[in-house]
Amino acid sequence: MNSDAIVVLPGGAGTLDEFFEILTWAQLGLHTKPILLLNTEGFWTPLIGLIDHVIDQGFADAGLKDMILVADTPAAAMDILKTHLA
């Protein structure tokens, strides 16, 4: 993986596939790069709710949520990434 961070833009099935693959790799310790959802106009809010549901139902540890950063705007995403990559 030739990047310093992963930024997930709004997208479809392929984007979801890549998001969950990179999230799984983080769980397995294959990388420690920040994973950021760019939640433009609340696009990823239902996905965040699903992840909360999976945790609430006991299918994932609450630490899963700590692996995901969320920003509502590109400017906020840049600020978050600057902090995590410093």
N, C-alpha and C. Protein backbone atom coordinates (compact mmCIF):
# COMPACT_ATOMS: atom_id res chain seq x y z
N MET A 1 0.85 -1.17 0.00
CA MET A 1 0.00 0.00 0.00
C MET A 1 0.90 1.23 0.00
N ASN A 2 0.85 2.00 -1.04
CA ASN A 2 1.73 3.15 -1.21
C ASN A 2 1.03 4.46 -0.87
N SER A 3 0.53 4.56 0.35
CA SER A 3 -0.13 5.79 0.78
C SER A 3 0.14 5.98 2.27
N ASP A 4 -0.09 7.20 2.71
CA ASP A 4 0.06 7.50 4.14
C ASP A 4 -1.25 7.34 4.89
N ALA A 5 -2.36 7.40 4.15
CA ALA A 5 -3.70 7.30 4.75
C ALA A 5 -4.66 6.81 3.68
N ILE A 6 -5.82 6.37 4.14
CA ILE A 6 -6.88 5.93 3.23
C ILE A 6 -8.06 6.87 3.43
N VAL A 7 -8.50 7.50 2.34
CA VAL A 7 -9.66 8.38 2.39
C VAL A 7 -10.73 7.75 1.52
N VAL A 8 -11.89 7.49 2.13
CA VAL A 8 -12.98 6.82 1.44
C VAL A 8 -14.01 7.88 1.04
N LEU A 9 -14.13 8.09 -0.25
CA LEU A 9 -15.10 9.04 -0.79
C LEU A 9 -16.45 8.35 -0.99
N PRO A 10 -17.52 9.11 -1.12
CA PRO A 10 -18.81 8.48 -1.42
C PRO A 10 -18.69 7.59 -2.67
N GLY A 11 -19.30 6.42 -2.60
CA GLY A 11 -19.21 5.49 -3.72
C GLY A 11 -20.15 4.32 -3.55
N GLY A 12 -19.97 3.33 -4.38
CA GLY A 12 -20.88 2.20 -4.41
C GLY A 12 -20.25 0.93 -3.86
N ALA A 13 -20.65 -0.19 -4.45
CA ALA A 13 -20.25 -1.51 -3.94
C ALA A 13 -18.74 -1.69 -3.94
N GLY A 14 -18.06 -1.23 -4.96
CA GLY A 14 -16.61 -1.37 -5.01
C GLY A 14 -15.93 -0.59 -3.90
N THR A 15 -16.45 0.59 -3.62
CA THR A 15 -15.90 1.41 -2.54
C THR A 15 -16.11 0.72 -1.20
N LEU A 16 -17.29 0.16 -1.00
CA LEU A 16 -17.57 -0.57 0.24
C LEU A 16 -16.65 -1.77 0.38
N ASP A 17 -16.44 -2.49 -0.70
CA ASP A 17 -15.55 -3.65 -0.69
C ASP A 17 -14.15 -3.22 -0.26
N GLU A 18 -13.63 -2.17 -0.86
CA GLU A 18 -12.29 -1.70 -0.53
C GLU A 18 -12.23 -1.19 0.91
N PHE A 19 -13.27 -0.48 1.37
CA PHE A 19 -13.31 0.02 2.74
C PHE A 19 -13.22 -1.13 3.73
N PHE A 20 -14.06 -2.15 3.55
CA PHE A 20 -14.05 -3.25 4.51
C PHE A 20 -12.76 -4.07 4.42
N GLU A 21 -12.18 -4.17 3.24
CA GLU A 21 -10.91 -4.88 3.12
C GLU A 21 -9.82 -4.14 3.90
N ILE A 22 -9.72 -2.85 3.72
CA ILE A 22 -8.68 -2.08 4.40
C ILE A 22 -8.95 -2.02 5.90
N LEU A 23 -10.22 -2.00 6.30
CA LEU A 23 -10.56 -2.04 7.72
C LEU A 23 -10.17 -3.38 8.33
N THR A 24 -10.43 -4.45 7.61
CA THR A 24 -10.04 -5.79 8.07
C THR A 24 -8.52 -5.89 8.19
N TRP A 25 -7.81 -5.35 7.22
CA TRP A 25 -6.35 -5.36 7.30
C TRP A 25 -5.87 -4.63 8.55
N ALA A 26 -6.53 -3.53 8.89
CA ALA A 26 -6.16 -2.79 10.12
C ALA A 26 -6.43 -3.66 11.35
N GLN A 27 -7.55 -4.35 11.37
CA GLN A 27 -7.87 -5.24 12.50
C GLN A 27 -6.82 -6.33 12.64
N LEU A 28 -6.31 -6.83 11.53
CA LEU A 28 -5.32 -7.90 11.54
C LEU A 28 -3.90 -7.39 11.80
N GLY A 29 -3.76 -6.08 11.89
CA GLY A 29 -2.45 -5.49 12.14
C GLY A 29 -1.57 -5.39 10.92
N LEU A 30 -2.16 -5.49 9.73
CA LEU A 30 -1.36 -5.41 8.51
C LEU A 30 -0.98 -3.98 8.14
N HIS A 31 -1.66 -3.01 8.74
CA HIS A 31 -1.29 -1.60 8.56
C HIS A 31 -1.84 -0.80 9.74
N THR A 32 -1.28 0.39 9.91
CA THR A 32 -1.74 1.29 10.97
C THR A 32 -2.09 2.66 10.40
N LYS A 33 -2.39 2.69 9.14
CA LYS A 33 -2.69 3.95 8.46
C LYS A 33 -4.08 4.44 8.84
N PRO A 34 -4.25 5.76 8.94
CA PRO A 34 -5.59 6.28 9.23
C PRO A 34 -6.56 5.93 8.10
N ILE A 35 -7.78 5.58 8.49
CA ILE A 35 -8.86 5.31 7.53
C ILE A 35 -9.92 6.38 7.78
N LEU A 36 -10.16 7.22 6.79
CA LEU A 36 -11.06 8.34 6.96
C LEU A 36 -12.23 8.26 5.98
N LEU A 37 -13.43 8.33 6.51
CA LEU A 37 -14.63 8.42 5.67
C LEU A 37 -14.94 9.89 5.43
N LEU A 38 -14.98 10.31 4.18
CA LEU A 38 -15.41 11.67 3.86
C LEU A 38 -16.93 11.63 3.74
N ASN A 39 -17.57 12.06 4.81
CA ASN A 39 -19.02 11.93 4.97
C ASN A 39 -19.76 13.12 4.36
N THR A 40 -19.52 13.36 3.10
CA THR A 40 -20.12 14.48 2.38
C THR A 40 -21.64 14.39 2.43
N GLU A 41 -22.25 15.46 2.93
CA GLU A 41 -23.71 15.55 3.04
C GLU A 41 -24.31 14.33 3.72
N GLY A 42 -23.57 13.76 4.67
CA GLY A 42 -24.06 12.63 5.45
C GLY A 42 -24.10 11.31 4.70
N PHE A 43 -23.37 11.23 3.57
CA PHE A 43 -23.42 10.02 2.74
C PHE A 43 -23.12 8.75 3.52
N TRP A 44 -22.11 8.78 4.40
CA TRP A 44 -21.69 7.58 5.11
C TRP A 44 -22.39 7.40 6.46
N THR A 45 -23.30 8.28 6.82
CA THR A 45 -23.98 8.16 8.11
C THR A 45 -24.68 6.81 8.28
N PRO A 46 -25.37 6.27 7.27
CA PRO A 46 -25.96 4.93 7.44
C PRO A 46 -24.90 3.84 7.66
N LEU A 47 -23.75 3.95 7.01
CA LEU A 47 -22.68 2.97 7.22
C LEU A 47 -22.15 3.06 8.65
N ILE A 48 -21.99 4.26 9.15
CA ILE A 48 -21.53 4.44 10.53
C ILE A 48 -22.55 3.84 11.49
N GLY A 49 -23.84 4.02 11.20
CA GLY A 49 -24.90 3.40 12.00
C GLY A 49 -24.83 1.88 11.95
N LEU A 50 -24.53 1.32 10.80
CA LEU A 50 -24.40 -0.13 10.66
C LEU A 50 -23.23 -0.64 11.49
N ILE A 51 -22.13 0.06 11.45
CA ILE A 51 -20.97 -0.34 12.25
C ILE A 51 -21.32 -0.29 13.74
N ASP A 52 -22.02 0.76 14.17
CA ASP A 52 -22.50 0.83 15.56
C ASP A 52 -23.38 -0.35 15.90
N HIS A 53 -24.27 -0.73 14.98
CA HIS A 53 -25.18 -1.86 15.18
C HIS A 53 -24.40 -3.17 15.33
N VAL A 54 -23.41 -3.37 14.49
CA VAL A 54 -22.59 -4.58 14.54
C VAL A 54 -21.88 -4.66 15.91
N ILE A 55 -21.38 -3.53 16.38
CA ILE A 55 -20.73 -3.48 17.69
C ILE A 55 -21.75 -3.75 18.78
N ASP A 56 -22.90 -3.08 18.72
CA ASP A 56 -23.95 -3.25 19.73
C ASP A 56 -24.43 -4.70 19.83
N GLN A 57 -24.43 -5.40 18.71
CA GLN A 57 -24.90 -6.78 18.68
C GLN A 57 -23.81 -7.77 19.08
N GLY A 58 -22.61 -7.27 19.35
CA GLY A 58 -21.53 -8.13 19.81
C GLY A 58 -20.72 -8.82 18.72
N PHE A 59 -20.90 -8.39 17.48
CA PHE A 59 -20.16 -9.02 16.39
C PHE A 59 -18.82 -8.35 16.10
N ALA A 60 -18.57 -7.24 16.77
CA ALA A 60 -17.28 -6.55 16.65
C ALA A 60 -17.00 -5.85 17.97
N ASP A 61 -15.74 -5.69 18.25
CA ASP A 61 -15.31 -4.98 19.44
C ASP A 61 -15.50 -3.47 19.24
N ALA A 62 -15.76 -2.77 20.31
CA ALA A 62 -15.96 -1.32 20.22
C ALA A 62 -14.73 -0.62 19.65
N GLY A 63 -13.57 -1.25 19.78
CA GLY A 63 -12.35 -0.68 19.22
C GLY A 63 -12.38 -0.53 17.71
N LEU A 64 -13.27 -1.24 17.06
CA LEU A 64 -13.41 -1.11 15.61
C LEU A 64 -13.69 0.34 15.23
N LYS A 65 -14.52 0.98 16.02
CA LYS A 65 -14.91 2.38 15.74
C LYS A 65 -13.70 3.31 15.83
N ASP A 66 -12.73 2.95 16.68
CA ASP A 66 -11.53 3.77 16.83
C ASP A 66 -10.63 3.73 15.59
N MET A 67 -10.85 2.77 14.72
CA MET A 67 -10.04 2.64 13.52
C MET A 67 -10.56 3.51 12.38
N ILE A 68 -11.72 4.14 12.59
CA ILE A 68 -12.36 4.89 11.53
C ILE A 68 -12.47 6.36 11.93
N LEU A 69 -11.94 7.22 11.09
CA LEU A 69 -12.08 8.66 11.28
C LEU A 69 -13.18 9.14 10.34
N VAL A 70 -13.87 10.20 10.73
CA VAL A 70 -14.96 10.72 9.92
C VAL A 70 -14.82 12.23 9.81
N ALA A 71 -14.96 12.74 8.60
CA ALA A 71 -14.95 14.18 8.36
C ALA A 71 -16.11 14.52 7.43
N ASP A 72 -16.74 15.65 7.70
CA ASP A 72 -17.89 16.06 6.89
C ASP A 72 -17.51 16.89 5.67
N THR A 73 -16.31 17.46 5.67
CA THR A 73 -15.87 18.29 4.56
C THR A 73 -14.42 17.96 4.21
N PRO A 74 -14.02 18.28 2.99
CA PRO A 74 -12.61 18.06 2.64
C PRO A 74 -11.66 18.83 3.56
N ALA A 75 -12.02 20.06 3.93
CA ALA A 75 -11.15 20.84 4.82
C ALA A 75 -11.00 20.15 6.18
N ALA A 76 -12.11 19.64 6.71
CA ALA A 76 -12.05 18.92 7.99
C ALA A 76 -11.22 17.64 7.83
N ALA A 77 -11.33 16.98 6.69
CA ALA A 77 -10.54 15.77 6.44
C ALA A 77 -9.05 16.10 6.46
N MET A 78 -8.67 17.19 5.83
CA MET A 78 -7.27 17.59 5.81
C MET A 78 -6.77 17.88 7.22
N ASP A 79 -7.57 18.58 8.01
CA ASP A 79 -7.18 18.88 9.40
C ASP A 79 -6.98 17.60 10.20
N ILE A 80 -7.92 16.66 10.06
CA ILE A 80 -7.82 15.39 10.80
C ILE A 80 -6.58 14.62 10.36
N LEU A 81 -6.34 14.55 9.06
CA LEU A 81 -5.19 13.81 8.56
C LEU A 81 -3.87 14.46 8.99
N LYS A 82 -3.81 15.78 8.97
CA LYS A 82 -2.59 16.46 9.43
C LYS A 82 -2.29 16.07 10.86
N THR A 83 -3.32 16.00 11.70
CA THR A 83 -3.14 15.62 13.10
C THR A 83 -2.66 14.20 13.23
N HIS A 84 -3.28 13.28 12.48
CA HIS A 84 -2.93 11.86 12.60
C HIS A 84 -1.62 11.48 11.91
N LEU A 85 -1.17 12.31 11.01
CA LEU A 85 0.06 11.99 10.29
C LEU A 85 1.26 12.79 10.80
N ALA A 86 1.03 13.64 11.78
CA ALA A 86 2.12 14.48 12.32
C ALA A 86 3.13 13.64 13.07
